[in-house]
């Protein structure tokens, strides 16, 4: 049975990994920019950002995914399944990353910002050279947790009919009336998260100073 379900699992794995990498590339930089805007932008902009973050973190990702794919066509916006998944996941994870980065920014002692001004280094240069490395060091464990969560959350795209890893396992399990496909899917997820964890650990070692 295993040899028969491997092609389907590999196809599902390709979709899972593709979705994972695209969302990661989009959401982390945008999350950082949103965090900067919330901390340094005028109050009215910060307020709207807070509302956005509250909605994204306060409602289920599955519901957001369904609204983007099934709800937007009701107002004349139709997206294909893959685009809908990218948009829904990115909006959700940008909100989480924004709060993580905001926590890292405000964790840096105020005295360091004042020292940058006193020394005449310049706000932008001082932020890049002094503040930013400390922020990334502080937030890296939390960012790592979200990255691992993203690997598992990609399984939610089954609701809009995309053939990811878990959906492939479910079809195989129904076809062969066996739990073996689910066990195989679980092992694949464990392997992916294990590789991601090792990579994050290596990054964390390099940013220590």
Protein backbone atom coordinates (compact mmCIF):
# COMPACT_ATOMS: atom_id res chain seq x y z
CA UNK A 1 0.00 0.00 0.00
CA UNK A 2 2.78 2.42 0.90
CA UNK A 3 4.29 2.31 -2.58
CA UNK A 4 0.88 2.98 -4.08
CA UNK A 5 0.16 6.09 -2.00
CA UNK A 6 3.64 7.62 -2.25
CA UNK A 7 2.96 9.48 -5.58
CA UNK A 8 -0.18 11.09 -4.14
CA UNK A 9 1.63 12.06 -0.94
CA UNK A 10 4.51 13.57 -2.92
CA UNK A 11 2.09 15.68 -4.96
CA UNK A 12 0.45 16.87 -1.76
CA UNK A 13 3.85 17.57 -0.23
CA UNK A 14 4.80 19.77 -3.19
CA UNK A 15 1.70 21.91 -2.66
CA UNK A 16 2.29 22.11 1.08
CA UNK A 17 5.92 23.20 0.69
CA UNK A 18 5.13 25.67 -2.10
CA UNK A 19 2.43 27.33 -0.02
CA UNK A 20 4.68 27.34 3.04
CA UNK A 21 7.62 29.06 1.34
CA UNK A 22 5.53 31.67 -0.47
CA UNK A 23 3.64 32.66 2.67
CA UNK A 24 6.87 32.79 4.66
CA UNK A 25 8.56 35.06 2.11
CA UNK A 26 5.56 37.39 2.07
CA UNK A 27 4.48 37.48 5.70
CA UNK A 28 7.76 37.97 7.60
CA UNK A 29 8.93 41.15 5.78
CA UNK A 30 5.38 42.58 5.75
CA UNK A 31 4.96 41.73 9.42
CA UNK A 32 8.11 43.68 10.22
CA UNK A 33 6.92 46.70 8.22
CA UNK A 34 3.52 46.60 9.91
CA UNK A 35 5.25 46.45 13.30
CA UNK A 36 7.31 49.53 12.42
CA UNK A 37 4.18 51.35 11.33
CA UNK A 38 2.37 50.47 14.53
CA UNK A 39 5.25 51.68 16.71
CA UNK A 40 6.30 54.79 14.80
CA UNK A 41 3.38 55.84 12.59
CA UNK A 42 0.85 58.51 13.63
CA UNK A 43 -1.81 57.40 16.08
CA UNK A 44 -4.64 57.13 13.56
CA UNK A 45 -2.59 54.76 11.38
CA UNK A 46 -1.55 52.78 14.45
CA UNK A 47 -5.21 52.50 15.43
CA UNK A 48 -6.23 50.95 12.11
CA UNK A 49 -3.30 48.55 12.33
CA UNK A 50 -4.43 47.50 15.80
CA UNK A 51 -7.95 46.84 14.47
CA UNK A 52 -6.54 44.73 11.64
CA UNK A 53 -4.36 42.72 14.03
CA UNK A 54 -7.28 42.25 16.42
CA UNK A 55 -9.50 40.86 13.65
CA UNK A 56 -6.82 38.56 12.23
CA UNK A 57 -5.79 37.16 15.62
CA UNK A 58 -9.30 37.06 17.04
CA UNK A 59 -10.95 35.01 14.30
CA UNK A 60 -10.10 31.48 13.11
CA UNK A 61 -7.77 31.14 10.16
CA UNK A 62 -10.16 28.60 8.65
CA UNK A 63 -12.95 31.19 8.71
CA UNK A 64 -10.69 33.79 7.09
CA UNK A 65 -9.78 31.31 4.37
CA UNK A 66 -13.44 30.58 3.67
CA UNK A 67 -14.32 34.28 3.56
CA UNK A 68 -11.55 35.03 1.06
CA UNK A 69 -12.45 32.15 -1.26
CA UNK A 70 -16.21 31.79 -0.83
CA UNK A 71 -17.17 35.25 0.44
CA UNK A 72 -15.31 37.66 -1.85
CA UNK A 73 -17.09 36.38 -5.01
CA UNK A 74 -20.32 37.70 -3.47
CA UNK A 75 -18.90 41.23 -3.82
CA UNK A 76 -17.48 40.62 -7.27
CA UNK A 77 -13.94 39.51 -6.36
CA UNK A 78 -13.17 35.99 -7.56
CA UNK A 79 -9.85 34.31 -6.81
CA UNK A 80 -8.50 30.93 -7.77
CA UNK A 81 -7.89 28.49 -4.93
CA UNK A 82 -4.14 28.99 -4.70
CA UNK A 83 -4.33 32.79 -4.71
CA UNK A 84 -7.07 32.74 -2.09
CA UNK A 85 -4.93 30.54 0.15
CA UNK A 86 -1.89 32.83 -0.25
CA UNK A 87 -3.90 35.96 0.56
CA UNK A 88 -5.75 34.50 3.55
CA UNK A 89 -2.66 32.94 5.12
CA UNK A 90 -0.52 36.02 4.48
CA UNK A 91 -3.05 38.40 6.06
CA UNK A 92 -3.26 36.14 9.10
CA UNK A 93 0.45 35.57 9.60
CA UNK A 94 1.42 39.19 8.93
CA UNK A 95 -0.70 40.12 11.95
CA UNK A 96 1.06 37.59 14.18
CA UNK A 97 4.53 38.50 12.96
CA UNK A 98 3.75 42.20 13.38
CA UNK A 99 3.00 41.69 17.07
CA UNK A 100 6.12 39.58 17.53
CA UNK A 101 8.34 42.22 15.92
CA UNK A 102 6.61 45.00 17.85
CA UNK A 103 7.44 43.17 21.05
CA UNK A 104 11.06 42.93 19.96
CA UNK A 105 11.24 46.64 19.14
CA UNK A 106 9.82 47.82 22.44
CA UNK A 107 12.04 45.32 24.30
CA UNK A 108 15.12 47.32 23.32
CA UNK A 109 15.95 49.76 26.16
CA UNK A 110 14.93 53.34 25.44
CA UNK A 111 18.41 54.48 26.45
CA UNK A 112 19.86 52.93 23.31
CA UNK A 113 17.61 55.03 21.09
CA UNK A 114 18.69 58.12 23.05
CA UNK A 115 22.36 57.14 22.74
CA UNK A 116 22.03 56.92 18.96
CA UNK A 117 20.77 60.51 18.86
CA UNK A 118 23.44 61.78 21.25
CA UNK A 119 26.26 60.14 19.27
CA UNK A 120 24.91 61.57 16.04
CA UNK A 121 24.84 58.21 14.30
CA UNK A 122 21.57 58.95 12.56
CA UNK A 123 18.19 57.34 13.19
CA UNK A 124 18.12 55.06 10.14
CA UNK A 125 21.73 53.96 10.36
CA UNK A 126 21.52 53.50 14.13
CA UNK A 127 18.36 51.46 13.80
CA UNK A 128 19.92 49.21 11.15
CA UNK A 129 23.26 48.72 12.90
CA UNK A 130 22.32 48.72 16.60
CA UNK A 131 18.59 48.22 17.18
CA UNK A 132 17.67 45.78 14.41
CA UNK A 133 20.16 43.01 15.37
CA UNK A 134 18.84 43.09 18.93
CA UNK A 135 15.24 42.95 17.73
CA UNK A 136 15.89 39.86 15.60
CA UNK A 137 17.70 38.16 18.44
CA UNK A 138 14.76 38.76 20.78
CA UNK A 139 12.03 37.69 18.36
CA UNK A 140 13.72 34.70 16.73
CA UNK A 141 12.28 32.02 19.08
CA UNK A 142 8.76 33.40 18.67
CA UNK A 143 9.16 33.73 14.92
CA UNK A 144 10.37 30.13 14.86
CA UNK A 145 7.24 28.97 16.65
CA UNK A 146 5.06 30.70 14.06
CA UNK A 147 7.08 29.22 11.21
CA UNK A 148 6.49 25.72 12.59
CA UNK A 149 2.79 26.51 13.09
CA UNK A 150 2.61 27.57 9.45
CA UNK A 151 3.84 24.14 8.34
CA UNK A 152 0.90 22.53 10.12
CA UNK A 153 -1.67 25.21 9.27
CA UNK A 154 -1.19 24.63 5.55
CA UNK A 155 -3.37 21.55 6.04
CA UNK A 156 -6.38 23.90 6.31
CA UNK A 157 -6.38 24.56 2.57
CA UNK A 158 -8.28 21.30 2.10
CA UNK A 159 -11.44 23.31 2.81
CA UNK A 160 -11.15 25.10 -0.55
CA UNK A 161 -10.23 21.94 -2.45
CA UNK A 162 -6.46 22.26 -2.81
CA UNK A 163 -4.62 18.94 -2.85
CA UNK A 164 -2.15 19.37 -0.02
CA UNK A 165 -0.48 16.64 2.03
CA UNK A 166 -3.26 15.92 4.53
CA UNK A 167 -5.93 15.83 1.84
CA UNK A 168 -3.85 13.33 -0.13
CA UNK A 169 -3.56 11.19 3.00
CA UNK A 170 -7.28 11.40 3.66
CA UNK A 171 -8.16 10.30 0.14
CA UNK A 172 -5.73 7.40 0.39
CA UNK A 173 -7.12 6.40 3.80
CA UNK A 174 -10.67 6.38 2.44
CA UNK A 175 -9.60 4.43 -0.63
CA UNK A 176 -7.78 1.69 1.26
CA UNK A 177 -9.83 1.87 4.50
CA UNK A 178 -6.62 2.09 6.50
CA UNK A 179 -4.92 4.40 8.98
CA UNK A 180 -1.51 3.85 7.39
CA UNK A 181 -1.82 6.89 5.08
CA UNK A 182 -2.51 9.12 8.11
CA UNK A 183 0.53 7.69 9.88
CA UNK A 184 2.61 8.38 6.79
CA UNK A 185 1.32 11.97 6.64
CA UNK A 186 2.14 12.44 10.31
CA UNK A 187 5.69 11.22 9.77
CA UNK A 188 6.14 13.59 6.84
CA UNK A 189 4.94 16.56 8.92
CA UNK A 190 7.31 15.56 11.71
CA UNK A 191 10.17 15.37 9.22
CA UNK A 192 9.37 18.83 7.82
CA UNK A 193 9.07 20.45 11.25
CA UNK A 194 12.26 18.69 12.34
CA UNK A 195 14.19 20.14 9.39
CA UNK A 196 12.72 23.60 9.99
CA UNK A 197 13.62 23.38 13.69
CA UNK A 198 17.22 22.45 12.90
CA UNK A 199 17.45 25.35 10.46
CA UNK A 200 16.06 27.79 13.02
CA UNK A 201 18.48 26.53 15.65
CA UNK A 202 21.40 27.19 13.30
CA UNK A 203 20.15 30.70 12.58
CA UNK A 204 19.74 31.36 16.29
CA UNK A 205 23.33 30.31 16.95
CA UNK A 206 24.62 32.65 14.25
CA UNK A 207 22.77 35.73 15.54
CA UNK A 208 24.03 35.36 19.10
CA UNK A 209 26.49 38.07 20.06
